[in-house]
PDB file of N, CA and C in Angstrom:
ATOM      1  N   MET A   1      68.338 154.779  98.547  1.00  0.00           N
ATOM      2  CA  MET A   1      67.543 155.977  98.347  1.00  0.00           C
ATOM      3  C   MET A   1      68.241 156.819  97.268  1.00  0.00           C
ATOM      4  N   PRO A   2      67.610 157.050  96.143  1.00  0.00           N
ATOM      5  CA  PRO A   2      68.269 157.771  95.045  1.00  0.00           C
ATOM      6  C   PRO A   2      68.567 159.235  95.352  1.00  0.00           C
ATOM      7  N   TYR A   3      67.877 159.819  96.327  1.00  0.00           N
ATOM      8  CA  TYR A   3      68.089 161.231  96.649  1.00  0.00           C
ATOM      9  C   TYR A   3      69.195 161.436  97.681  1.00  0.00           C
ATOM     10  N   TYR A   4      69.695 160.340  98.240  1.00  0.00           N
ATOM     11  CA  TYR A   4      70.760 160.434  99.226  1.00  0.00           C
ATOM     12  C   TYR A   4      71.744 159.281  98.987  1.00  0.00           C
ATOM     13  N   PRO A   5      72.602 159.419  97.975  1.00  0.00           N
ATOM     14  CA  PRO A   5      73.506 158.323  97.621  1.00  0.00           C
ATOM     15  C   PRO A   5      74.609 158.120  98.664  1.00  0.00           C
ATOM     16  N   ARG A   6      74.660 156.925  99.222  1.00  0.00           N
ATOM     17  CA  ARG A   6      75.662 156.581 100.220  1.00  0.00           C
ATOM     18  C   ARG A   6      75.812 155.075 100.266  1.00  0.00           C
ATOM     19  N   GLY A   7      76.917 154.607 100.806  1.00  0.00           N
ATOM     20  CA  GLY A   7      77.110 153.178 100.935  1.00  0.00           C
ATOM     21  C   GLY A   7      78.546 152.809 101.251  1.00  0.00           C
ATOM     22  N   TYR A   8      78.808 151.518 101.374  1.00  0.00           N
ATOM     23  CA  TYR A   8      80.128 151.006 101.688  1.00  0.00           C
ATOM     24  C   TYR A   8      80.761 150.464 100.418  1.00  0.00           C
ATOM     25  N   MET A   9      82.059 150.738 100.254  1.00  0.00           N
ATOM     26  CA  MET A   9      82.756 150.313  99.044  1.00  0.00           C
ATOM     27  C   MET A   9      84.156 149.867  99.409  1.00  0.00           C
ATOM     28  N   GLY A  10      84.392 148.589  99.453  1.00  0.00           N
ATOM     29  CA  GLY A  10      85.722 148.068  99.701  1.00  0.00           C
ATOM     30  C   GLY A  10      86.192 148.236 101.128  1.00  0.00           C
ATOM     31  N   VAL A  11      87.506 148.045 101.312  1.00  0.00           N
ATOM     32  CA  VAL A  11      88.129 148.152 102.630  1.00  0.00           C
ATOM     33  C   VAL A  11      89.409 148.973 102.532  1.00  0.00           C
ATOM     34  N   ASP A  12      89.849 149.507 103.680  1.00  0.00           N
ATOM     35  CA  ASP A  12      91.104 150.255 103.706  1.00  0.00           C
ATOM     36  C   ASP A  12      92.273 149.296 103.973  1.00  0.00           C
ATOM     37  N   LYS A  13      93.466 149.824 104.187  1.00  0.00           N
ATOM     38  CA  LYS A  13      94.664 148.995 104.387  1.00  0.00           C
ATOM     39  C   LYS A  13      94.582 148.132 105.636  1.00  0.00           C
ATOM     40  N   ILE A  14      93.861 148.607 106.640  1.00  0.00           N
ATOM     41  CA  ILE A  14      93.740 147.867 107.897  1.00  0.00           C
ATOM     42  C   ILE A  14      92.648 146.806 107.810  1.00  0.00           C
ATOM     43  N   GLY A  15      91.728 146.938 106.859  1.00  0.00           N
ATOM     44  CA  GLY A  15      90.653 145.973 106.694  1.00  0.00           C
ATOM     45  C   GLY A  15      89.292 146.483 107.107  1.00  0.00           C
ATOM     46  N   ARG A  16      89.185 147.768 107.428  1.00  0.00           N
ATOM     47  CA  ARG A  16      87.900 148.347 107.822  1.00  0.00           C
ATOM     48  C   ARG A  16      87.108 148.749 106.583  1.00  0.00           C
ATOM     49  N   PRO A  17      85.776 148.657 106.622  1.00  0.00           N
ATOM     50  CA  PRO A  17      84.982 149.059 105.467  1.00  0.00           C
ATOM     51  C   PRO A  17      85.050 150.563 105.220  1.00  0.00           C
ATOM     52  N   VAL A  18      85.020 150.950 103.955  1.00  0.00           N
ATOM     53  CA  VAL A  18      85.086 152.363 103.568  1.00  0.00           C
ATOM     54  C   VAL A  18      83.669 152.839 103.252  1.00  0.00           C
ATOM     55  N   TYR A  19      83.228 153.900 103.932  1.00  0.00           N
ATOM     56  CA  TYR A  19      81.901 154.473 103.755  1.00  0.00           C
ATOM     57  C   TYR A  19      82.011 155.672 102.817  1.00  0.00           C
ATOM     58  N   ILE A  20      81.183 155.687 101.780  1.00  0.00           N
ATOM     59  CA  ILE A  20      81.193 156.786 100.814  1.00  0.00           C
ATOM     60  C   ILE A  20      79.826 157.453 100.830  1.00  0.00           C
ATOM     61  N   GLU A  21      79.839 158.759 100.991  1.00  0.00           N
ATOM     62  CA  GLU A  21      78.614 159.553 100.945  1.00  0.00           C
ATOM     63  C   GLU A  21      78.817 160.627  99.886  1.00  0.00           C
ATOM     64  N   ARG A  22      78.021 160.587  98.839  1.00  0.00           N
ATOM     65  CA  ARG A  22      78.167 161.526  97.739  1.00  0.00           C
ATOM     66  C   ARG A  22      77.345 162.781  98.047  1.00  0.00           C
ATOM     67  N   SER A  23      77.924 163.638  98.875  1.00  0.00           N
ATOM     68  CA  SER A  23      77.202 164.798  99.383  1.00  0.00           C
ATOM     69  C   SER A  23      76.811 165.797  98.301  1.00  0.00           C
ATOM     70  N   GLY A  24      77.519 165.841  97.194  1.00  0.00           N
ATOM     71  CA  GLY A  24      77.170 166.758  96.113  1.00  0.00           C
ATOM     72  C   GLY A  24      75.893 166.367  95.382  1.00  0.00           C
ATOM     73  N   PHE A  25      75.457 165.120  95.561  1.00  0.00           N
ATOM     74  CA  PHE A  25      74.267 164.634  94.886  1.00  0.00           C
ATOM     75  C   PHE A  25      73.046 164.539  95.798  1.00  0.00           C
ATOM     76  N   ILE A  26      73.170 165.004  97.049  1.00  0.00           N
ATOM     77  CA  ILE A  26      72.051 164.957  97.989  1.00  0.00           C
ATOM     78  C   ILE A  26      71.023 166.016  97.598  1.00  0.00           C
ATOM     79  N   SER A  27      69.761 165.628  97.606  1.00  0.00           N
ATOM     80  CA  SER A  27      68.675 166.537  97.267  1.00  0.00           C
ATOM     81  C   SER A  27      67.721 166.633  98.471  1.00  0.00           C
ATOM     82  N   PRO A  28      67.964 167.578  99.384  1.00  0.00           N
ATOM     83  CA  PRO A  28      67.159 167.656 100.612  1.00  0.00           C
ATOM     84  C   PRO A  28      65.665 167.845 100.367  1.00  0.00           C
ATOM     85  N   SER A  29      65.300 168.658  99.403  1.00  0.00           N
ATOM     86  CA  SER A  29      63.863 168.879  99.163  1.00  0.00           C
ATOM     87  C   SER A  29      63.179 167.593  98.714  1.00  0.00           C
ATOM     88  N   LYS A  30      63.852 166.795  97.910  1.00  0.00           N
ATOM     89  CA  LYS A  30      63.277 165.517  97.457  1.00  0.00           C
ATOM     90  C   LYS A  30      63.219 164.514  98.603  1.00  0.00           C
ATOM     91  N   ILE A  31      64.224 164.533  99.477  1.00  0.00           N
ATOM     92  CA  ILE A  31      64.230 163.612 100.616  1.00  0.00           C
ATOM     93  C   ILE A  31      63.015 163.854 101.497  1.00  0.00           C
ATOM     94  N   TRP A  32      62.731 165.125 101.802  1.00  0.00           N
ATOM     95  CA  TRP A  32      61.609 165.429 102.695  1.00  0.00           C
ATOM     96  C   TRP A  32      60.274 165.166 102.027  1.00  0.00           C
ATOM     97  N   GLU A  33      60.206 165.157 100.688  1.00  0.00           N
ATOM     98  CA  GLU A  33      58.969 164.777  99.996  1.00  0.00           C
ATOM     99  C   GLU A  33      58.703 163.285 100.125  1.00  0.00           C
ATOM    100  N   VAL A  34      59.769 162.498 100.145  1.00  0.00           N
ATOM    101  CA  VAL A  34      59.652 161.044 100.127  1.00  0.00           C
ATOM    102  C   VAL A  34      59.516 160.436 101.515  1.00  0.00           C
ATOM    103  N   CYS A  35      60.243 160.991 102.501  1.00  0.00           N
ATOM    104  CA  CYS A  35      60.214 160.378 103.831  1.00  0.00           C
ATOM    105  C   CYS A  35      60.227 161.436 104.933  1.00  0.00           C
ATOM    106  N   SER A  36      59.912 160.976 106.119  1.00  0.00           N
ATOM    107  CA  SER A  36      59.919 161.869 107.281  1.00  0.00           C
ATOM    108  C   SER A  36      61.283 161.807 107.966  1.00  0.00           C
ATOM    109  N   GLU A  37      61.471 162.660 108.951  1.00  0.00           N
ATOM    110  CA  GLU A  37      62.737 162.667 109.688  1.00  0.00           C
ATOM    111  C   GLU A  37      62.952 161.345 110.422  1.00  0.00           C
ATOM    112  N   GLU A  38      61.886 160.795 110.970  1.00  0.00           N
ATOM    113  CA  GLU A  38      61.985 159.520 111.677  1.00  0.00           C
ATOM    114  C   GLU A  38      62.423 158.396 110.741  1.00  0.00           C
ATOM    115  N   GLU A  39      61.875 158.366 109.536  1.00  0.00           N
ATOM    116  CA  GLU A  39      62.264 157.338 108.571  1.00  0.00           C
ATOM    117  C   GLU A  39      63.726 157.485 108.139  1.00  0.00           C
ATOM    118  N   LEU A  40      64.189 158.707 108.023  1.00  0.00           N
ATOM    119  CA  LEU A  40      65.586 158.940 107.660  1.00  0.00           C
ATOM    120  C   LEU A  40      66.513 158.454 108.772  1.00  0.00           C
ATOM    121  N   TRP A  41      66.188 158.747 110.031  1.00  0.00           N
ATOM    122  CA  TRP A  41      66.993 158.248 111.147  1.00  0.00           C
ATOM    123  C   TRP A  41      66.957 156.733 111.204  1.00  0.00           C
ATOM    124  N   ARG A  42      65.788 156.151 110.960  1.00  0.00           N
ATOM    125  CA  ARG A  42      65.673 154.692 110.961  1.00  0.00           C
ATOM    126  C   ARG A  42      66.587 154.084 109.892  1.00  0.00           C
ATOM    127  N   SER A  43      66.677 154.738 108.753  1.00  0.00           N
ATOM    128  CA  SER A  43      67.562 154.282 107.688  1.00  0.00           C
ATOM    129  C   SER A  43      69.017 154.300 108.133  1.00  0.00           C
ATOM    130  N   PHE A  44      69.430 155.364 108.837  1.00  0.00           N
ATOM    131  CA  PHE A  44      70.797 155.437 109.362  1.00  0.00           C
ATOM    132  C   PHE A  44      71.049 154.320 110.370  1.00  0.00           C
ATOM    133  N   TYR A  45      70.101 154.088 111.275  1.00  0.00           N
ATOM    134  CA  TYR A  45      70.259 153.046 112.284  1.00  0.00           C
ATOM    135  C   TYR A  45      70.367 151.671 111.630  1.00  0.00           C
ATOM    136  N   GLN A  46      69.529 151.415 110.639  1.00  0.00           N
ATOM    137  CA  GLN A  46      69.556 150.126 109.967  1.00  0.00           C
ATOM    138  C   GLN A  46      70.876 149.905 109.240  1.00  0.00           C
ATOM    139  N   SER A  47      71.390 150.944 108.592  1.00  0.00           N
ATOM    140  CA  SER A  47      72.667 150.776 107.890  1.00  0.00           C
ATOM    141  C   SER A  47      73.799 150.538 108.883  1.00  0.00           C
ATOM    142  N   TYR A  48      73.746 151.151 110.062  1.00  0.00           N
ATOM    143  CA  TYR A  48      74.757 150.929 111.090  1.00  0.00           C
ATOM    144  C   TYR A  48      74.670 149.501 111.629  1.00  0.00           C
ATOM    145  N   GLU A  49      73.459 148.984 111.807  1.00  0.00           N
ATOM    146  CA  GLU A  49      73.295 147.614 112.270  1.00  0.00           C
ATOM    147  C   GLU A  49      73.820 146.624 111.248  1.00  0.00           C
ATOM    148  N   VAL A  50      73.570 146.889 109.969  1.00  0.00           N
ATOM    149  CA  VAL A  50      74.097 146.025 108.912  1.00  0.00           C
ATOM    150  C   VAL A  50      75.616 146.060 108.929  1.00  0.00           C
ATOM    151  N   LEU A  51      76.191 147.235 109.134  1.00  0.00           N
ATOM    152  CA  LEU A  51      77.645 147.360 109.228  1.00  0.00           C
ATOM    153  C   LEU A  51      78.175 146.481 110.342  1.00  0.00           C
ATOM    154  N   ASN A  52      77.590 146.571 111.513  1.00  0.00           N
ATOM    155  CA  ASN A  52      78.065 145.796 112.660  1.00  0.00           C
ATOM    156  C   ASN A  52      77.836 144.300 112.497  1.00  0.00           C
ATOM    157  N   LYS A  53      76.679 143.913 112.025  1.00  0.00           N
ATOM    158  CA  LYS A  53      76.339 142.491 111.965  1.00  0.00           C
ATOM    159  C   LYS A  53      76.974 141.778 110.777  1.00  0.00           C
ATOM    160  N   LEU A  54      76.981 142.396 109.623  1.00  0.00           N
ATOM    161  CA  LEU A  54      77.445 141.699 108.424  1.00  0.00           C
ATOM    162  C   LEU A  54      78.858 142.074 108.003  1.00  0.00           C
ATOM    163  N   HIS A  55      79.101 143.356 107.819  1.00  0.00           N
ATOM    164  CA  HIS A  55      80.397 143.785 107.289  1.00  0.00           C
ATOM    165  C   HIS A  55      81.533 143.439 108.242  1.00  0.00           C
ATOM    166  N   TYR A  56      81.439 143.846 109.492  1.00  0.00           N
ATOM    167  CA  TYR A  56      82.522 143.600 110.441  1.00  0.00           C
ATOM    168  C   TYR A  56      82.749 142.110 110.657  1.00  0.00           C
ATOM    169  N   MET A  57      81.680 141.334 110.733  1.00  0.00           N
ATOM    170  CA  MET A  57      81.816 139.904 110.935  1.00  0.00           C
ATOM    171  C   MET A  57      82.497 139.251 109.731  1.00  0.00           C
ATOM    172  N   ALA A  58      82.083 139.622 108.542  1.00  0.00           N
ATOM    173  CA  ALA A  58      82.677 139.052 107.336  1.00  0.00           C
ATOM    174  C   ALA A  58      84.133 139.476 107.178  1.00  0.00           C
ATOM    175  N   LEU A  59      84.424 140.750 107.433  1.00  0.00           N
ATOM    176  CA  LEU A  59      85.801 141.226 107.306  1.00  0.00           C
ATOM    177  C   LEU A  59      86.703 140.607 108.366  1.00  0.00           C
ATOM    178  N   SER A  60      86.184 140.379 109.560  1.00  0.00           N
ATOM    179  CA  SER A  60      86.965 139.719 110.607  1.00  0.00           C
ATOM    180  C   SER A  60      87.279 138.284 110.204  1.00  0.00           C
ATOM    181  N   HIS A  61      86.313 137.616 109.609  1.00  0.00           N
ATOM    182  CA  HIS A  61      86.509 136.240 109.162  1.00  0.00           C
ATOM    183  C   HIS A  61      87.567 136.168 108.062  1.00  0.00           C
ATOM    184  N   VAL A  62      87.498 137.065 107.094  1.00  0.00           N
ATOM    185  CA  VAL A  62      88.440 137.059 105.979  1.00  0.00           C
ATOM    186  C   VAL A  62      89.862 137.392 106.441  1.00  0.00           C
ATOM    187  N   SER A  63      89.991 138.403 107.303  1.00  0.00           N
ATOM    188  CA  SER A  63      91.320 138.847 107.736  1.00  0.00           C
ATOM    189  C   SER A  63      91.902 137.958 108.834  1.00  0.00           C
ATOM    190  N   GLY A  64      91.065 137.191 109.516  1.00  0.00           N
ATOM    191  CA  GLY A  64      91.546 136.323 110.577  1.00  0.00           C
ATOM    192  C   GLY A  64      91.792 137.048 111.899  1.00  0.00           C
ATOM    193  N   LYS A  65      91.332 138.277 112.009  1.00  0.00           N
ATOM    194  CA  LYS A  65      91.473 139.025 113.252  1.00  0.00           C
ATOM    195  C   LYS A  65      90.214 139.860 113.484  1.00  0.00           C
ATOM    196  N   GLN A  66      90.028 140.324 114.713  1.00  0.00           N
ATOM    197  CA  GLN A  66      88.849 141.130 115.056  1.00  0.00           C
ATOM    198  C   GLN A  66      88.937 142.516 114.438  1.00  0.00           C
ATOM    199  N   ILE A  67      87.926 142.891 113.695  1.00  0.00           N
ATOM    200  CA  ILE A  67      87.870 144.227 113.065  1.00  0.00           C
ATOM    201  C   ILE A  67      86.848 145.038 113.828  1.00  0.00           C
TER     202      ILE A  67
END
């Protein structure tokens, strides 16, 4: 979503994914024009599910331990 820039970028020293949210670039008025509150929450839930299913599994595989 171009009006709410956020995402995962790399890993920390322990191997956990690093989440970056560029709060200075958030445009609330544009967000509410494009989507509803329910759609925004759904987006958060989906990104959390992707984190759990893909990122943690892949990082655990690479590091050889449970992340």
